[in-house]
Amino acid sequence: LMQFTGLKDKNGKEIWEGDIVEYAVQDDGGGWDVCRGSVEFTDCAFQVKLIDGCDFNGSYEFLCDWDKCEVIGNIYEHGDLLNGKQ
C-alpha cells in the first residue's frame, strides 16, 4: 500500500509514496538543474530516490522544501518517467 506523506507539492497536490517528483537544485556553477525522483519511505523518513537530472542518480535525498517540488506522475502509471523519458 502507498502511504500519504502528509505533504503537498507546490501546486497543492498531495504527495504519496511512489509519486515521481521534479524539483530544481542549484548547481556548483550557480545555475539550476531539474532533478527527478521517486518518493520512498526509507530510514524512517520520506525521501526522494534520484532518477534523472542530478549527479547522484540512485542515491536518496531528504527534501526539506517539499512545497517546491512538483508531482509529475507515479511509478505505477508513469513508469516511463523513471527512464528519463518525457
N, C-alpha and C. Protein backbone atom coordinates (compact mmCIF):
# COMPACT_ATOMS: atom_id res chain seq x y z
N LEU A 1 0.82 -1.19 0.00
CA LEU A 1 0.00 0.00 0.00
C LEU A 1 0.86 1.25 0.00
N MET A 2 0.42 2.25 -0.73
CA MET A 2 1.13 3.52 -0.74
C MET A 2 0.73 4.32 0.50
N GLN A 3 1.69 5.05 1.04
CA GLN A 3 1.43 5.86 2.21
C GLN A 3 1.38 7.33 1.83
N PHE A 4 0.46 8.07 2.42
CA PHE A 4 0.40 9.51 2.24
C PHE A 4 1.47 10.13 3.11
N THR A 5 2.25 11.04 2.55
CA THR A 5 3.35 11.66 3.28
C THR A 5 2.88 12.74 4.25
N GLY A 6 1.66 13.23 4.06
CA GLY A 6 1.18 14.35 4.86
C GLY A 6 1.63 15.68 4.29
N LEU A 7 2.26 15.64 3.11
CA LEU A 7 2.81 16.84 2.49
C LEU A 7 2.11 17.13 1.17
N LYS A 8 2.28 18.36 0.69
CA LYS A 8 1.73 18.76 -0.61
C LYS A 8 2.83 19.42 -1.44
N ASP A 9 2.71 19.30 -2.76
CA ASP A 9 3.69 19.91 -3.66
C ASP A 9 3.36 21.39 -3.87
N LYS A 10 4.09 22.05 -4.76
CA LYS A 10 3.92 23.48 -4.97
C LYS A 10 2.56 23.84 -5.56
N ASN A 11 1.86 22.87 -6.12
CA ASN A 11 0.53 23.09 -6.68
C ASN A 11 -0.59 22.67 -5.73
N GLY A 12 -0.22 22.27 -4.52
CA GLY A 12 -1.21 21.85 -3.53
C GLY A 12 -1.64 20.41 -3.68
N LYS A 13 -0.97 19.64 -4.56
CA LYS A 13 -1.30 18.23 -4.77
C LYS A 13 -0.66 17.38 -3.67
N GLU A 14 -1.41 16.42 -3.14
CA GLU A 14 -0.89 15.53 -2.11
C GLU A 14 0.26 14.69 -2.66
N ILE A 15 1.28 14.48 -1.82
CA ILE A 15 2.43 13.67 -2.21
C ILE A 15 2.32 12.32 -1.52
N TRP A 16 2.34 11.26 -2.32
CA TRP A 16 2.22 9.89 -1.84
C TRP A 16 3.50 9.12 -2.13
N GLU A 17 3.74 8.10 -1.33
CA GLU A 17 4.84 7.18 -1.61
C GLU A 17 4.62 6.60 -3.00
N GLY A 18 5.66 6.56 -3.82
CA GLY A 18 5.55 6.06 -5.18
C GLY A 18 5.35 7.16 -6.21
N ASP A 19 5.09 8.39 -5.75
CA ASP A 19 4.97 9.51 -6.69
C ASP A 19 6.33 9.85 -7.27
N ILE A 20 6.31 10.38 -8.47
CA ILE A 20 7.51 10.89 -9.12
C ILE A 20 7.44 12.41 -9.06
N VAL A 21 8.50 13.01 -8.52
CA VAL A 21 8.52 14.46 -8.34
C VAL A 21 9.71 15.07 -9.10
N GLU A 22 9.53 16.32 -9.48
CA GLU A 22 10.61 17.12 -10.07
C GLU A 22 10.83 18.33 -9.19
N TYR A 23 12.08 18.77 -9.10
CA TYR A 23 12.40 19.97 -8.34
C TYR A 23 13.73 20.52 -8.83
N ALA A 24 13.95 21.80 -8.62
CA ALA A 24 15.17 22.47 -9.07
C ALA A 24 16.17 22.54 -7.93
N VAL A 25 17.43 22.30 -8.26
CA VAL A 25 18.53 22.47 -7.31
C VAL A 25 19.61 23.30 -7.97
N GLN A 26 20.27 24.11 -7.16
CA GLN A 26 21.33 24.95 -7.68
C GLN A 26 22.61 24.13 -7.83
N ASP A 27 23.25 24.25 -8.99
CA ASP A 27 24.48 23.50 -9.22
C ASP A 27 25.68 24.33 -8.74
N ASP A 28 26.86 23.74 -8.85
CA ASP A 28 28.08 24.40 -8.37
C ASP A 28 28.40 25.68 -9.14
N GLY A 29 27.95 25.77 -10.37
CA GLY A 29 28.22 26.95 -11.20
C GLY A 29 27.21 28.07 -11.02
N GLY A 30 26.25 27.92 -10.12
CA GLY A 30 25.26 28.95 -9.90
C GLY A 30 24.01 28.81 -10.76
N GLY A 31 24.01 27.82 -11.66
CA GLY A 31 22.83 27.57 -12.47
C GLY A 31 21.87 26.63 -11.75
N TRP A 32 20.83 26.23 -12.46
CA TRP A 32 19.82 25.35 -11.87
C TRP A 32 19.67 24.09 -12.68
N ASP A 33 19.59 22.97 -11.99
CA ASP A 33 19.31 21.67 -12.60
C ASP A 33 17.93 21.21 -12.12
N VAL A 34 17.21 20.54 -13.02
CA VAL A 34 15.93 19.95 -12.62
C VAL A 34 16.19 18.48 -12.32
N CYS A 35 15.90 18.09 -11.09
CA CYS A 35 16.08 16.70 -10.67
C CYS A 35 14.73 16.01 -10.63
N ARG A 36 14.76 14.72 -10.85
CA ARG A 36 13.55 13.91 -10.83
C ARG A 36 13.82 12.70 -9.95
N GLY A 37 12.81 12.30 -9.17
CA GLY A 37 12.99 11.14 -8.32
C GLY A 37 11.67 10.58 -7.86
N SER A 38 11.72 9.39 -7.29
CA SER A 38 10.52 8.74 -6.77
C SER A 38 10.53 8.85 -5.24
N VAL A 39 9.35 9.08 -4.69
CA VAL A 39 9.20 9.23 -3.24
C VAL A 39 9.15 7.84 -2.61
N GLU A 40 10.03 7.62 -1.64
CA GLU A 40 10.10 6.33 -0.95
C GLU A 40 10.24 6.58 0.55
N PHE A 41 9.75 5.62 1.34
CA PHE A 41 9.93 5.68 2.78
C PHE A 41 11.14 4.84 3.13
N THR A 42 12.20 5.49 3.57
CA THR A 42 13.43 4.79 3.91
C THR A 42 14.12 5.52 5.06
N ASP A 43 14.80 4.78 5.91
CA ASP A 43 15.48 5.35 7.07
C ASP A 43 14.54 6.19 7.93
N CYS A 44 13.32 5.70 8.10
CA CYS A 44 12.30 6.34 8.95
C CYS A 44 11.86 7.71 8.46
N ALA A 45 11.97 7.96 7.16
CA ALA A 45 11.56 9.26 6.62
C ALA A 45 11.19 9.10 5.15
N PHE A 46 10.36 10.01 4.66
CA PHE A 46 10.09 10.05 3.22
C PHE A 46 11.23 10.78 2.54
N GLN A 47 11.81 10.12 1.54
CA GLN A 47 12.93 10.68 0.81
C GLN A 47 12.70 10.49 -0.68
N VAL A 48 13.51 11.16 -1.48
CA VAL A 48 13.43 11.04 -2.92
C VAL A 48 14.61 10.21 -3.42
N LYS A 49 14.31 9.11 -4.12
CA LYS A 49 15.36 8.33 -4.76
C LYS A 49 15.59 8.97 -6.12
N LEU A 50 16.75 9.56 -6.31
CA LEU A 50 17.04 10.33 -7.52
C LEU A 50 17.08 9.42 -8.74
N ILE A 51 16.43 9.89 -9.80
CA ILE A 51 16.33 9.12 -11.03
C ILE A 51 17.05 9.80 -12.17
N ASP A 52 16.81 11.11 -12.33
CA ASP A 52 17.26 11.79 -13.53
C ASP A 52 17.56 13.25 -13.21
N GLY A 53 18.57 13.80 -13.87
CA GLY A 53 18.84 15.22 -13.79
C GLY A 53 19.88 15.63 -12.78
N CYS A 54 20.28 14.73 -11.90
CA CYS A 54 21.27 15.06 -10.87
C CYS A 54 22.48 14.14 -11.00
N ASP A 55 23.57 14.57 -10.40
CA ASP A 55 24.80 13.79 -10.46
C ASP A 55 24.77 12.56 -9.57
N PHE A 56 23.78 12.47 -8.70
CA PHE A 56 23.75 11.39 -7.71
C PHE A 56 22.62 10.41 -7.97
N ASN A 57 22.37 10.07 -9.23
CA ASN A 57 21.29 9.15 -9.56
C ASN A 57 21.44 7.85 -8.77
N GLY A 58 20.31 7.38 -8.25
CA GLY A 58 20.32 6.14 -7.49
C GLY A 58 20.47 6.36 -6.00
N SER A 59 20.90 7.54 -5.58
CA SER A 59 21.04 7.82 -4.16
C SER A 59 19.76 8.49 -3.64
N TYR A 60 19.67 8.60 -2.33
CA TYR A 60 18.49 9.20 -1.71
C TYR A 60 18.79 10.62 -1.27
N GLU A 61 17.77 11.46 -1.36
CA GLU A 61 17.89 12.84 -0.89
C GLU A 61 16.71 13.15 0.01
N PHE A 62 17.01 13.72 1.16
CA PHE A 62 15.97 14.15 2.07
C PHE A 62 15.64 15.59 1.73
N LEU A 63 14.40 15.85 1.29
CA LEU A 63 13.99 17.20 0.91
C LEU A 63 13.38 17.92 2.10
N CYS A 64 13.82 19.14 2.31
CA CYS A 64 13.22 19.97 3.35
C CYS A 64 12.09 20.81 2.77
N ASP A 65 12.20 21.15 1.49
CA ASP A 65 11.23 22.04 0.84
C ASP A 65 10.34 21.26 -0.12
N TRP A 66 9.51 20.37 0.45
CA TRP A 66 8.62 19.57 -0.38
C TRP A 66 7.65 20.45 -1.15
N ASP A 67 7.34 21.63 -0.60
CA ASP A 67 6.38 22.52 -1.26
C ASP A 67 6.98 23.21 -2.48
N LYS A 68 8.25 22.92 -2.80
CA LYS A 68 8.88 23.48 -4.00
C LYS A 68 9.03 22.44 -5.11
N CYS A 69 8.62 21.20 -4.83
CA CYS A 69 8.67 20.16 -5.86
C CYS A 69 7.30 20.05 -6.53
N GLU A 70 7.26 19.28 -7.60
CA GLU A 70 6.01 19.09 -8.34
C GLU A 70 5.81 17.61 -8.63
N VAL A 71 4.65 17.08 -8.29
CA VAL A 71 4.31 15.69 -8.62
C VAL A 71 4.00 15.63 -10.11
N ILE A 72 4.72 14.76 -10.84
CA ILE A 72 4.51 14.65 -12.28
C ILE A 72 3.95 13.29 -12.68
N GLY A 73 3.77 12.40 -11.72
CA GLY A 73 3.23 11.07 -12.01
C GLY A 73 3.52 10.14 -10.85
N ASN A 74 3.39 8.84 -11.11
CA ASN A 74 3.75 7.86 -10.09
C ASN A 74 4.38 6.64 -10.77
N ILE A 75 5.04 5.83 -9.98
CA ILE A 75 5.81 4.72 -10.53
C ILE A 75 4.94 3.62 -11.12
N TYR A 76 3.66 3.60 -10.78
CA TYR A 76 2.76 2.56 -11.24
C TYR A 76 2.12 2.88 -12.59
N GLU A 77 1.80 4.14 -12.80
CA GLU A 77 1.11 4.54 -14.03
C GLU A 77 2.03 5.25 -15.03
N HIS A 78 3.17 5.73 -14.57
CA HIS A 78 4.05 6.52 -15.43
C HIS A 78 5.48 6.02 -15.32
N GLY A 79 5.66 4.73 -15.46
CA GLY A 79 6.98 4.10 -15.34
C GLY A 79 7.98 4.62 -16.34
N ASP A 80 7.52 5.15 -17.49
CA ASP A 80 8.44 5.68 -18.48
C ASP A 80 9.21 6.89 -17.93
N LEU A 81 8.67 7.59 -16.93
CA LEU A 81 9.36 8.72 -16.34
C LEU A 81 10.59 8.28 -15.54
N LEU A 82 10.64 7.02 -15.17
CA LEU A 82 11.79 6.51 -14.43
C LEU A 82 13.02 6.37 -15.29
N ASN A 83 12.84 6.34 -16.60
CA ASN A 83 13.96 6.19 -17.51
C ASN A 83 14.43 7.50 -18.10
N GLY A 84 13.96 8.61 -17.57
CA GLY A 84 14.37 9.91 -18.08
C GLY A 84 13.63 10.34 -19.31
N LYS A 85 12.58 9.61 -19.69
CA LYS A 85 11.80 9.98 -20.86
C LYS A 85 10.70 10.96 -20.45
N GLN A 86 10.35 11.86 -21.33
CA GLN A 86 9.30 12.84 -21.03
C GLN A 86 7.95 12.27 -21.33
